[in-house]
């Protein structure tokens, strides 16, 4: 199990280095076990003024603050790595120093940055943002079961006469299949 000094040392290393520092893959589980242990000791009712219990309570509070600061610093470094990686690629060493949850977060950030870059490129190539497909109001002619839109999101089910504001692409498909009609917006 991790100790208070090891937790503090991890924060100190993270604080004074620009690189993402290596920590054990089970670090968060070890911290959770450590905090649980300290909390149990701190919550003992035997002698509220015992030096050991007071010291343990203070260590417990400090440990939480240290862990929060450590994770915040790591998040900032991961964001910086994502910005750099979006432009140039990533250092294998930094990626290897990420915990599994941090790698997942990094991948999500990278996907969002790539999507944003792609949209900017499309706008630059294709012109104005208004030219991009938007939503269209439709009224359903028949009852329609639940279905997936082009992004994989669930839509429906819809009953005859229901009105929906859906993407133009999906609206055009439904109109083409005679399941819905466009609503004239004046």
N, C-alpha and C. Protein backbone atom coordinates (compact mmCIF):
# COMPACT_ATOMS: atom_id res chain seq x y z
N UNK A 1 0.86 -1.19 0.00
CA UNK A 1 0.00 0.00 0.00
C UNK A 1 0.90 1.24 0.00
N UNK A 2 0.38 2.30 -0.56
CA UNK A 2 1.11 3.56 -0.66
C UNK A 2 1.18 4.24 0.70
N UNK A 3 2.20 5.06 0.90
CA UNK A 3 2.33 5.81 2.15
C UNK A 3 2.12 7.30 1.87
N UNK A 4 1.96 8.06 2.93
CA UNK A 4 1.80 9.50 2.81
C UNK A 4 3.00 10.12 2.10
N UNK A 5 4.19 9.68 2.49
CA UNK A 5 5.41 10.22 1.89
C UNK A 5 5.49 9.89 0.40
N UNK A 6 5.07 8.70 -0.01
CA UNK A 6 5.09 8.34 -1.43
C UNK A 6 4.09 9.18 -2.22
N UNK A 7 2.94 9.44 -1.63
CA UNK A 7 1.94 10.28 -2.27
C UNK A 7 2.48 11.71 -2.44
N UNK A 8 3.07 12.23 -1.38
CA UNK A 8 3.65 13.57 -1.44
C UNK A 8 4.80 13.62 -2.45
N UNK A 9 5.61 12.58 -2.48
CA UNK A 9 6.73 12.52 -3.42
C UNK A 9 6.24 12.51 -4.87
N UNK A 10 5.14 11.80 -5.13
CA UNK A 10 4.56 11.77 -6.48
C UNK A 10 4.12 13.17 -6.89
N UNK A 11 3.50 13.91 -5.97
CA UNK A 11 3.09 15.28 -6.27
C UNK A 11 4.31 16.17 -6.51
N UNK A 12 5.33 16.03 -5.67
CA UNK A 12 6.54 16.85 -5.81
C UNK A 12 7.18 16.62 -7.17
N UNK A 13 7.28 15.37 -7.59
CA UNK A 13 7.88 15.06 -8.90
C UNK A 13 7.04 15.65 -10.03
N UNK A 14 5.73 15.54 -9.91
CA UNK A 14 4.83 16.06 -10.95
C UNK A 14 4.90 17.58 -11.00
N UNK A 15 5.01 18.19 -9.83
CA UNK A 15 5.03 19.64 -9.72
C UNK A 15 6.28 20.25 -10.37
N UNK A 16 7.41 19.58 -10.22
CA UNK A 16 8.68 20.17 -10.67
C UNK A 16 9.20 19.60 -11.98
N UNK A 17 8.34 18.94 -12.73
CA UNK A 17 8.75 18.41 -14.02
C UNK A 17 7.73 18.80 -15.08
N UNK A 18 8.21 19.11 -16.26
CA UNK A 18 7.30 19.41 -17.35
C UNK A 18 6.73 18.14 -17.96
N UNK A 19 7.44 17.04 -17.82
CA UNK A 19 7.01 15.75 -18.37
C UNK A 19 6.00 15.09 -17.44
N UNK A 20 5.13 14.30 -18.02
CA UNK A 20 4.21 13.48 -17.24
C UNK A 20 5.03 12.40 -16.54
N UNK A 21 4.95 12.35 -15.24
CA UNK A 21 5.79 11.44 -14.46
C UNK A 21 5.20 10.04 -14.38
N UNK A 22 6.05 9.02 -14.41
CA UNK A 22 5.53 7.66 -14.29
C UNK A 22 5.03 7.39 -12.87
N UNK A 23 3.88 6.79 -12.79
CA UNK A 23 3.35 6.33 -11.50
C UNK A 23 2.83 4.91 -11.74
N UNK A 24 2.76 4.10 -10.68
CA UNK A 24 2.30 2.70 -10.87
C UNK A 24 0.90 2.65 -11.49
N UNK A 25 0.67 1.64 -12.30
CA UNK A 25 -0.62 1.48 -12.98
C UNK A 25 -1.77 1.32 -12.00
N UNK A 26 -1.47 0.84 -10.79
CA UNK A 26 -2.52 0.66 -9.77
C UNK A 26 -2.50 1.79 -8.75
N UNK A 27 -1.91 2.91 -9.11
CA UNK A 27 -1.73 4.04 -8.20
C UNK A 27 -3.05 4.49 -7.57
N UNK A 28 -4.07 4.68 -8.39
CA UNK A 28 -5.36 5.19 -7.88
C UNK A 28 -5.98 4.19 -6.90
N UNK A 29 -5.87 2.90 -7.19
CA UNK A 29 -6.39 1.88 -6.25
C UNK A 29 -5.62 1.91 -4.94
N UNK A 30 -4.28 2.09 -5.02
CA UNK A 30 -3.47 2.17 -3.81
C UNK A 30 -3.86 3.40 -2.98
N UNK A 31 -4.08 4.53 -3.65
CA UNK A 31 -4.48 5.74 -2.94
C UNK A 31 -5.86 5.53 -2.30
N UNK A 32 -6.76 4.89 -3.02
CA UNK A 32 -8.10 4.62 -2.46
C UNK A 32 -8.00 3.76 -1.20
N UNK A 33 -7.17 2.72 -1.24
CA UNK A 33 -6.99 1.85 -0.08
C UNK A 33 -6.35 2.64 1.08
N UNK A 34 -5.38 3.46 0.76
CA UNK A 34 -4.70 4.28 1.77
C UNK A 34 -5.70 5.23 2.43
N UNK A 35 -6.49 5.92 1.61
CA UNK A 35 -7.47 6.88 2.15
C UNK A 35 -8.53 6.18 2.99
N UNK A 36 -8.95 5.00 2.55
CA UNK A 36 -9.94 4.24 3.31
C UNK A 36 -9.37 3.87 4.68
N UNK A 37 -8.13 3.42 4.69
CA UNK A 37 -7.47 3.04 5.92
C UNK A 37 -7.34 4.24 6.87
N UNK A 38 -6.90 5.37 6.34
CA UNK A 38 -6.73 6.58 7.17
C UNK A 38 -8.08 7.08 7.69
N UNK A 39 -9.11 6.98 6.85
CA UNK A 39 -10.44 7.44 7.26
C UNK A 39 -10.97 6.60 8.41
N UNK A 40 -10.76 5.29 8.32
CA UNK A 40 -11.22 4.40 9.40
C UNK A 40 -10.53 4.74 10.71
N UNK A 41 -9.23 4.99 10.65
CA UNK A 41 -8.49 5.34 11.87
C UNK A 41 -8.96 6.71 12.38
N UNK A 42 -9.12 7.67 11.48
CA UNK A 42 -9.51 9.02 11.88
C UNK A 42 -10.92 9.06 12.47
N UNK A 43 -11.78 8.14 12.07
CA UNK A 43 -13.16 8.14 12.55
C UNK A 43 -13.37 7.34 13.82
N UNK A 44 -12.31 6.77 14.39
CA UNK A 44 -12.44 6.02 15.65
C UNK A 44 -12.86 6.98 16.76
N UNK A 45 -13.76 6.51 17.59
CA UNK A 45 -14.32 7.36 18.65
C UNK A 45 -13.66 7.12 20.01
N UNK A 46 -12.64 6.28 20.07
CA UNK A 46 -12.03 5.93 21.36
C UNK A 46 -11.55 7.16 22.12
N UNK A 47 -10.71 7.94 21.47
CA UNK A 47 -10.15 9.11 22.15
C UNK A 47 -9.96 10.20 21.10
N UNK A 48 -10.93 11.10 21.03
CA UNK A 48 -10.92 12.14 20.00
C UNK A 48 -9.71 13.07 20.10
N UNK A 49 -9.06 13.10 21.24
CA UNK A 49 -7.94 14.01 21.42
C UNK A 49 -6.60 13.29 21.43
N UNK A 50 -6.61 12.05 21.04
CA UNK A 50 -5.37 11.28 20.96
C UNK A 50 -4.49 11.88 19.87
N UNK A 51 -3.20 12.00 20.17
CA UNK A 51 -2.26 12.55 19.20
C UNK A 51 -2.25 11.76 17.91
N UNK A 52 -2.34 10.45 18.02
CA UNK A 52 -2.32 9.59 16.83
C UNK A 52 -3.53 9.84 15.95
N UNK A 53 -4.69 9.96 16.56
CA UNK A 53 -5.91 10.18 15.79
C UNK A 53 -5.91 11.57 15.17
N UNK A 54 -5.47 12.58 15.91
CA UNK A 54 -5.39 13.93 15.36
C UNK A 54 -4.41 13.99 14.19
N UNK A 55 -3.28 13.32 14.36
CA UNK A 55 -2.28 13.29 13.29
C UNK A 55 -2.84 12.57 12.06
N UNK A 56 -3.56 11.48 12.29
CA UNK A 56 -4.14 10.70 11.19
C UNK A 56 -5.22 11.51 10.48
N UNK A 57 -6.04 12.25 11.22
CA UNK A 57 -7.06 13.10 10.60
C UNK A 57 -6.41 14.15 9.70
N UNK A 58 -5.35 14.76 10.20
CA UNK A 58 -4.66 15.78 9.41
C UNK A 58 -4.02 15.16 8.17
N UNK A 59 -3.42 13.97 8.33
CA UNK A 59 -2.82 13.27 7.19
C UNK A 59 -3.88 12.92 6.17
N UNK A 60 -5.04 12.49 6.64
CA UNK A 60 -6.14 12.14 5.74
C UNK A 60 -6.57 13.35 4.92
N UNK A 61 -6.77 14.49 5.59
CA UNK A 61 -7.16 15.72 4.89
C UNK A 61 -6.08 16.17 3.91
N UNK A 62 -4.84 16.13 4.34
CA UNK A 62 -3.73 16.53 3.46
C UNK A 62 -3.60 15.57 2.28
N UNK A 63 -3.81 14.30 2.52
CA UNK A 63 -3.69 13.31 1.45
C UNK A 63 -4.72 13.55 0.35
N UNK A 64 -5.92 13.91 0.74
CA UNK A 64 -6.95 14.22 -0.24
C UNK A 64 -6.54 15.43 -1.07
N UNK A 65 -6.05 16.47 -0.40
CA UNK A 65 -5.61 17.68 -1.11
C UNK A 65 -4.44 17.37 -2.04
N UNK A 66 -3.49 16.57 -1.57
CA UNK A 66 -2.34 16.20 -2.39
C UNK A 66 -2.78 15.42 -3.62
N UNK A 67 -3.66 14.45 -3.42
CA UNK A 67 -4.13 13.63 -4.54
C UNK A 67 -4.86 14.49 -5.57
N UNK A 68 -5.73 15.39 -5.10
CA UNK A 68 -6.46 16.27 -6.03
C UNK A 68 -5.50 17.14 -6.83
N UNK A 69 -4.50 17.71 -6.16
CA UNK A 69 -3.53 18.55 -6.87
C UNK A 69 -2.72 17.72 -7.87
N UNK A 70 -2.33 16.52 -7.47
CA UNK A 70 -1.57 15.64 -8.36
C UNK A 70 -2.36 15.33 -9.62
N UNK A 71 -3.62 14.97 -9.46
CA UNK A 71 -4.45 14.62 -10.62
C UNK A 71 -4.72 15.86 -11.48
N UNK A 72 -4.88 17.03 -10.88
CA UNK A 72 -5.08 18.26 -11.63
C UNK A 72 -3.85 18.58 -12.48
N UNK A 73 -2.68 18.44 -11.90
CA UNK A 73 -1.44 18.69 -12.65
C UNK A 73 -1.29 17.70 -13.80
N UNK A 74 -1.65 16.45 -13.57
CA UNK A 74 -1.56 15.44 -14.62
C UNK A 74 -2.56 15.74 -15.74
N UNK A 75 -3.77 16.20 -15.37
CA UNK A 75 -4.76 16.56 -16.39
C UNK A 75 -4.26 17.70 -17.26
N UNK A 76 -3.64 18.71 -16.63
CA UNK A 76 -3.11 19.84 -17.40
C UNK A 76 -2.05 19.36 -18.38
N UNK A 77 -1.19 18.46 -17.93
CA UNK A 77 -0.13 17.94 -18.80
C UNK A 77 -0.72 17.11 -19.95
N UNK A 78 -1.77 16.36 -19.66
CA UNK A 78 -2.43 15.57 -20.70
C UNK A 78 -3.07 16.48 -21.74
N UNK A 79 -3.70 17.57 -21.29
CA UNK A 79 -4.26 18.54 -22.23
C UNK A 79 -3.17 19.14 -23.11
N UNK A 80 -2.05 19.51 -22.51
CA UNK A 80 -0.94 20.05 -23.29
C UNK A 80 -0.42 19.02 -24.29
N UNK A 81 -0.30 17.76 -23.85
CA UNK A 81 0.15 16.70 -24.75
C UNK A 81 -0.82 16.53 -25.91
N UNK A 82 -2.11 16.64 -25.63
CA UNK A 82 -3.12 16.49 -26.69
C UNK A 82 -2.97 17.61 -27.71
N UNK A 83 -2.75 18.83 -27.25
CA UNK A 83 -2.56 19.95 -28.19
C UNK A 83 -1.33 19.73 -29.05
N UNK A 84 -0.24 19.31 -28.43
CA UNK A 84 1.00 19.06 -29.17
C UNK A 84 0.80 17.89 -30.13
N UNK A 85 0.17 16.83 -29.65
CA UNK A 85 -0.03 15.63 -30.48
C UNK A 85 -0.93 15.92 -31.67
N UNK A 86 -1.89 16.81 -31.49
CA UNK A 86 -2.80 17.15 -32.59
C UNK A 86 -2.02 17.81 -33.73
N UNK A 87 -0.95 18.50 -33.40
CA UNK A 87 -0.16 19.20 -34.41
C UNK A 87 1.04 18.39 -34.90
N UNK A 88 1.67 17.61 -33.99
CA UNK A 88 2.96 17.01 -34.34
C UNK A 88 3.05 15.51 -34.12
N UNK A 89 2.26 14.95 -33.25
CA UNK A 89 2.42 13.55 -32.83
C UNK A 89 2.81 13.56 -31.36
N UNK A 90 2.88 12.39 -30.75
CA UNK A 90 3.15 12.33 -29.31
C UNK A 90 4.39 11.50 -29.02
N UNK A 91 5.08 11.88 -27.99
CA UNK A 91 6.23 11.13 -27.53
C UNK A 91 5.73 9.84 -26.89
N UNK A 92 6.28 8.73 -27.33
CA UNK A 92 5.88 7.42 -26.80
C UNK A 92 6.09 7.36 -25.29
N UNK A 93 7.14 7.99 -24.82
CA UNK A 93 7.46 7.97 -23.39
C UNK A 93 6.33 8.59 -22.58
N UNK A 94 5.79 9.71 -23.03
CA UNK A 94 4.71 10.37 -22.29
C UNK A 94 3.45 9.53 -22.31
N UNK A 95 3.16 8.90 -23.43
CA UNK A 95 1.96 8.07 -23.51
C UNK A 95 2.08 6.86 -22.59
N UNK A 96 3.28 6.33 -22.46
CA UNK A 96 3.49 5.18 -21.58
C UNK A 96 3.34 5.55 -20.12
N UNK A 97 3.53 6.81 -19.77
CA UNK A 97 3.42 7.25 -18.38
C UNK A 97 1.98 7.52 -17.96
N UNK A 98 1.04 7.40 -18.88
CA UNK A 98 -0.37 7.64 -18.56
C UNK A 98 -1.00 6.40 -17.93
N UNK A 99 -1.89 6.64 -16.99
CA UNK A 99 -2.72 5.57 -16.44
C UNK A 99 -3.78 5.23 -17.48
N UNK A 100 -4.43 4.10 -17.34
CA UNK A 100 -5.45 3.67 -18.30
C UNK A 100 -6.55 4.72 -18.44
N UNK A 101 -7.01 5.27 -17.34
CA UNK A 101 -8.07 6.28 -17.38
C UNK A 101 -7.58 7.55 -18.06
N UNK A 102 -6.30 7.86 -17.90
CA UNK A 102 -5.74 9.04 -18.55
C UNK A 102 -5.60 8.82 -20.06
N UNK A 103 -5.25 7.60 -20.46
CA UNK A 103 -5.16 7.28 -21.88
C UNK A 103 -6.52 7.42 -22.55
N UNK A 104 -7.55 6.95 -21.85
CA UNK A 104 -8.92 7.05 -22.37
C UNK A 104 -9.32 8.52 -22.52
N UNK A 105 -8.99 9.32 -21.53
CA UNK A 105 -9.27 10.76 -21.58
C UNK A 105 -8.51 11.41 -22.74
N UNK A 106 -7.24 11.06 -22.88
CA UNK A 106 -6.40 11.60 -23.95
C UNK A 106 -6.99 11.25 -25.32
N UNK A 107 -7.41 10.00 -25.49
CA UNK A 107 -8.01 9.58 -26.77
C UNK A 107 -9.27 10.38 -27.08
N UNK A 108 -10.10 10.61 -26.06
CA UNK A 108 -11.31 11.41 -26.26
C UNK A 108 -11.00 12.84 -26.66
N UNK A 109 -10.00 13.42 -26.02
CA UNK A 109 -9.59 14.79 -26.37
C UNK A 109 -9.08 14.83 -27.80
N UNK A 110 -8.25 13.83 -28.16
CA UNK A 110 -7.69 13.78 -29.52
C UNK A 110 -8.80 13.67 -30.56
N UNK A 111 -9.81 12.84 -30.30
CA UNK A 111 -10.92 12.69 -31.25
C UNK A 111 -11.67 14.02 -31.40
N UNK A 112 -11.88 14.71 -30.29
CA UNK A 112 -12.58 16.00 -30.36
C UNK A 112 -11.76 17.03 -31.13
N UNK A 113 -10.45 17.08 -30.90
CA UNK A 113 -9.60 18.02 -31.62
C UNK A 113 -9.58 17.70 -33.11
N UNK A 114 -9.49 16.41 -33.44
CA UNK A 114 -9.48 16.00 -34.85
C UNK A 114 -10.80 16.36 -35.52
N UNK A 115 -11.91 16.15 -34.82
CA UNK A 115 -13.22 16.49 -35.36
C UNK A 115 -13.32 17.99 -35.61
N UNK A 116 -12.84 18.78 -34.65
CA UNK A 116 -12.85 20.23 -34.81
C UNK A 116 -11.99 20.68 -35.99
N UNK A 117 -10.80 20.09 -36.11
CA UNK A 117 -9.92 20.43 -37.24
C UNK A 117 -10.57 20.06 -38.56
N UNK A 118 -11.23 18.92 -38.59
CA UNK A 118 -11.90 18.46 -39.82
C UNK A 118 -13.02 19.43 -40.20
N UNK A 119 -13.79 19.87 -39.21
CA UNK A 119 -14.89 20.81 -39.47
C UNK A 119 -14.36 22.15 -39.97
N UNK A 120 -13.27 22.61 -39.38
CA UNK A 120 -12.67 23.87 -39.84
C UNK A 120 -12.21 23.72 -41.28
N UNK A 121 -11.58 22.61 -41.61
CA UNK A 121 -11.12 22.36 -42.98
C UNK A 121 -12.28 22.33 -43.95
N UNK A 122 -13.38 21.69 -43.55
CA UNK A 122 -14.57 21.61 -44.41
C UNK A 122 -15.12 23.01 -44.67
N UNK A 123 -15.17 23.81 -43.64
CA UNK A 123 -15.69 25.17 -43.79
C UNK A 123 -14.78 25.97 -44.71
N UNK A 124 -13.46 25.82 -44.52
CA UNK A 124 -12.52 26.54 -45.37
C UNK A 124 -12.62 26.11 -46.83
N UNK A 125 -12.85 24.84 -47.06
CA UNK A 125 -12.98 24.34 -48.44
C UNK A 125 -14.33 24.65 -49.03
N UNK A 126 -15.38 24.47 -48.21
CA UNK A 126 -16.73 24.56 -48.73
C UNK A 126 -17.39 25.90 -48.57
N UNK A 127 -16.81 26.79 -47.88
CA UNK A 127 -17.43 28.10 -47.74
C UNK A 127 -18.04 28.32 -46.39
N UNK A 128 -19.23 28.91 -46.40
CA UNK A 128 -19.87 29.40 -45.20
C UNK A 128 -20.46 28.27 -44.36
N UNK A 129 -20.53 28.48 -43.05
CA UNK A 129 -21.08 27.52 -42.12
C UNK A 129 -22.56 27.25 -42.39
N UNK A 130 -23.31 28.27 -42.86
CA UNK A 130 -24.74 28.09 -43.11
C UNK A 130 -25.02 27.09 -44.23
N UNK A 131 -24.03 26.86 -45.09
CA UNK A 131 -24.24 25.93 -46.19
C UNK A 131 -24.27 24.47 -45.71
N UNK A 132 -23.81 24.23 -44.52
CA UNK A 132 -23.81 22.87 -43.99
C UNK A 132 -25.24 22.46 -43.67
N UNK A 133 -25.52 21.17 -43.83
CA UNK A 133 -26.88 20.72 -43.55
C UNK A 133 -27.28 20.98 -42.11
N UNK A 134 -28.54 21.34 -41.93
CA UNK A 134 -29.05 21.62 -40.59
C UNK A 134 -30.18 20.66 -40.26
N UNK A 135 -31.17 21.16 -39.59
CA UNK A 135 -32.33 20.35 -39.22
C UNK A 135 -33.52 20.73 -40.09
N UNK A 136 -34.47 19.84 -40.12
CA UNK A 136 -35.68 20.05 -40.90
C UNK A 136 -36.86 19.54 -40.09
N UNK A 137 -37.95 20.29 -40.14
CA UNK A 137 -39.18 19.88 -39.46
C UNK A 137 -39.96 18.94 -40.37
N UNK A 138 -40.40 17.82 -39.81
CA UNK A 138 -41.21 16.86 -40.57
C UNK A 138 -42.41 16.45 -39.73
N UNK A 139 -43.47 16.07 -40.44
CA UNK A 139 -44.64 15.48 -39.79
C UNK A 139 -44.73 14.04 -40.29
N UNK A 140 -44.92 13.12 -39.37
CA UNK A 140 -44.95 11.70 -39.73
C UNK A 140 -46.31 11.31 -40.30
N UNK A 141 -46.28 10.60 -41.43
CA UNK A 141 -47.49 10.15 -42.12
C UNK A 141 -47.98 8.84 -41.52
N UNK A 142 -47.04 7.99 -41.12
CA UNK A 142 -47.36 6.69 -40.53
C UNK A 142 -46.65 6.54 -39.19
N UNK A 143 -47.13 5.58 -38.39
CA UNK A 143 -46.40 5.24 -37.18
C UNK A 143 -45.03 4.71 -37.61
N UNK A 144 -43.99 5.15 -36.92
CA UNK A 144 -42.62 4.76 -37.28
C UNK A 144 -41.91 4.27 -36.03
N UNK A 145 -41.33 3.08 -36.14
CA UNK A 145 -40.60 2.48 -35.02
C UNK A 145 -39.33 3.30 -34.73
N UNK A 146 -38.74 3.05 -33.58
CA UNK A 146 -37.47 3.68 -33.22
C UNK A 146 -36.41 3.29 -34.25
N UNK A 147 -35.54 4.25 -34.61
CA UNK A 147 -34.48 3.97 -35.57
C UNK A 147 -33.25 4.80 -35.20
N UNK A 148 -32.14 4.53 -35.86
CA UNK A 148 -30.89 5.24 -35.60
C UNK A 148 -30.65 6.28 -36.69
N UNK A 149 -30.18 7.46 -36.28
CA UNK A 149 -29.82 8.47 -37.28
C UNK A 149 -28.42 8.16 -37.82
N UNK A 150 -27.89 9.02 -38.65
CA UNK A 150 -26.60 8.77 -39.29
C UNK A 150 -25.43 8.77 -38.32
N UNK A 151 -25.62 9.34 -37.13
CA UNK A 151 -24.57 9.35 -36.11
C UNK A 151 -24.74 8.21 -35.10
N UNK A 152 -25.76 7.38 -35.30
CA UNK A 152 -26.00 6.26 -34.39
C UNK A 152 -26.85 6.61 -33.18
N UNK A 153 -27.47 7.78 -33.17
CA UNK A 153 -28.35 8.18 -32.07
C UNK A 153 -29.75 7.66 -32.32
N UNK A 154 -30.42 7.23 -31.24
CA UNK A 154 -31.78 6.71 -31.37
C UNK A 154 -32.77 7.85 -31.57
N UNK A 155 -33.69 7.64 -32.51
CA UNK A 155 -34.80 8.57 -32.74
C UNK A 155 -36.09 7.78 -32.69
N UNK A 156 -37.14 8.41 -32.19
CA UNK A 156 -38.45 7.78 -32.18
C UNK A 156 -38.67 6.94 -30.95
N UNK A 157 -39.71 6.14 -31.00
CA UNK A 157 -40.68 5.93 -32.08
C UNK A 157 -41.60 7.15 -32.24
N UNK A 158 -42.17 7.25 -33.45
CA UNK A 158 -43.07 8.35 -33.75
C UNK A 158 -44.43 7.81 -34.16
N UNK A 159 -45.47 8.53 -33.80
CA UNK A 159 -46.83 8.15 -34.19
C UNK A 159 -47.27 9.04 -35.35
N UNK A 160 -48.26 8.59 -36.09
CA UNK A 160 -48.82 9.37 -37.20
C UNK A 160 -49.23 10.74 -36.66
N UNK A 161 -48.78 11.81 -37.34
CA UNK A 161 -49.13 13.17 -36.94
C UNK A 161 -48.08 13.83 -36.06
N UNK A 162 -47.11 13.05 -35.53
CA UNK A 162 -46.05 13.64 -34.71
C UNK A 162 -45.19 14.56 -35.58
N UNK A 163 -44.73 15.64 -34.97
CA UNK A 163 -43.83 16.57 -35.66
C UNK A 163 -42.47 16.47 -34.97
N UNK A 164 -41.41 16.43 -35.77
CA UNK A 164 -40.06 16.33 -35.21
C UNK A 164 -39.11 17.24 -35.97
N UNK A 165 -38.13 17.75 -35.27
CA UNK A 165 -37.07 18.56 -35.86
C UNK A 165 -35.82 17.68 -35.90
N UNK A 166 -35.51 17.14 -37.07
CA UNK A 166 -34.41 16.18 -37.21
C UNK A 166 -33.45 16.64 -38.30
N UNK A 167 -32.30 15.99 -38.38
CA UNK A 167 -31.30 16.40 -39.37
C UNK A 167 -31.87 16.29 -40.78
N UNK A 168 -31.40 17.18 -41.66
CA UNK A 168 -31.90 17.21 -43.04
C UNK A 168 -31.71 15.88 -43.74
N UNK A 169 -30.55 15.24 -43.52
CA UNK A 169 -30.27 13.97 -44.20
C UNK A 169 -31.32 12.92 -43.84
N UNK A 170 -31.61 12.78 -42.53
CA UNK A 170 -32.59 11.79 -42.08
C UNK A 170 -33.98 12.19 -42.55
N UNK A 171 -34.30 13.49 -42.48
CA UNK A 171 -35.61 13.96 -42.94
C UNK A 171 -35.82 13.63 -44.41
N UNK A 172 -34.79 13.83 -45.23
CA UNK A 172 -34.91 13.54 -46.66
C UNK A 172 -35.14 12.05 -46.91
N UNK A 173 -34.50 11.20 -46.12
CA UNK A 173 -34.70 9.75 -46.25
C UNK A 173 -36.13 9.39 -45.89
N UNK A 174 -36.62 9.93 -44.76
CA UNK A 174 -38.00 9.64 -44.33
C UNK A 174 -39.01 10.15 -45.36
N UNK A 175 -38.77 11.34 -45.92
CA UNK A 175 -39.67 11.89 -46.94
C UNK A 175 -39.63 11.03 -48.19
N UNK A 176 -38.43 10.60 -48.58
CA UNK A 176 -38.28 9.74 -49.75
C UNK A 176 -38.98 8.40 -49.58
N UNK A 177 -38.99 7.87 -48.35
CA UNK A 177 -39.65 6.59 -48.05
C UNK A 177 -41.14 6.75 -47.75
N UNK A 178 -41.66 7.98 -47.91
CA UNK A 178 -43.07 8.30 -47.67
C UNK A 178 -43.51 7.99 -46.24
N UNK A 179 -42.59 8.16 -45.31
CA UNK A 179 -42.92 7.97 -43.89
C UNK A 179 -43.23 9.32 -43.23
N UNK A 180 -42.77 10.41 -43.88
CA UNK A 180 -42.96 11.75 -43.33
C UNK A 180 -43.05 12.75 -44.46
N UNK A 181 -43.55 13.95 -44.13
CA UNK A 181 -43.61 15.06 -45.06
C UNK A 181 -42.92 16.25 -44.41
N UNK A 182 -42.30 17.08 -45.23
CA UNK A 182 -41.66 18.30 -44.71
C UNK A 182 -42.72 19.29 -44.26
N UNK A 183 -42.40 20.03 -43.21
CA UNK A 183 -43.30 21.07 -42.72
C UNK A 183 -42.81 22.39 -43.27
N UNK A 184 -43.69 23.10 -43.97
CA UNK A 184 -43.31 24.40 -44.54
C UNK A 184 -43.18 25.41 -43.40
N UNK A 185 -42.00 25.99 -43.27
CA UNK A 185 -41.78 27.00 -42.24
C UNK A 185 -41.86 28.37 -42.91
N UNK A 186 -42.77 29.18 -42.46
CA UNK A 186 -42.94 30.51 -43.07
C UNK A 186 -42.52 31.57 -42.13
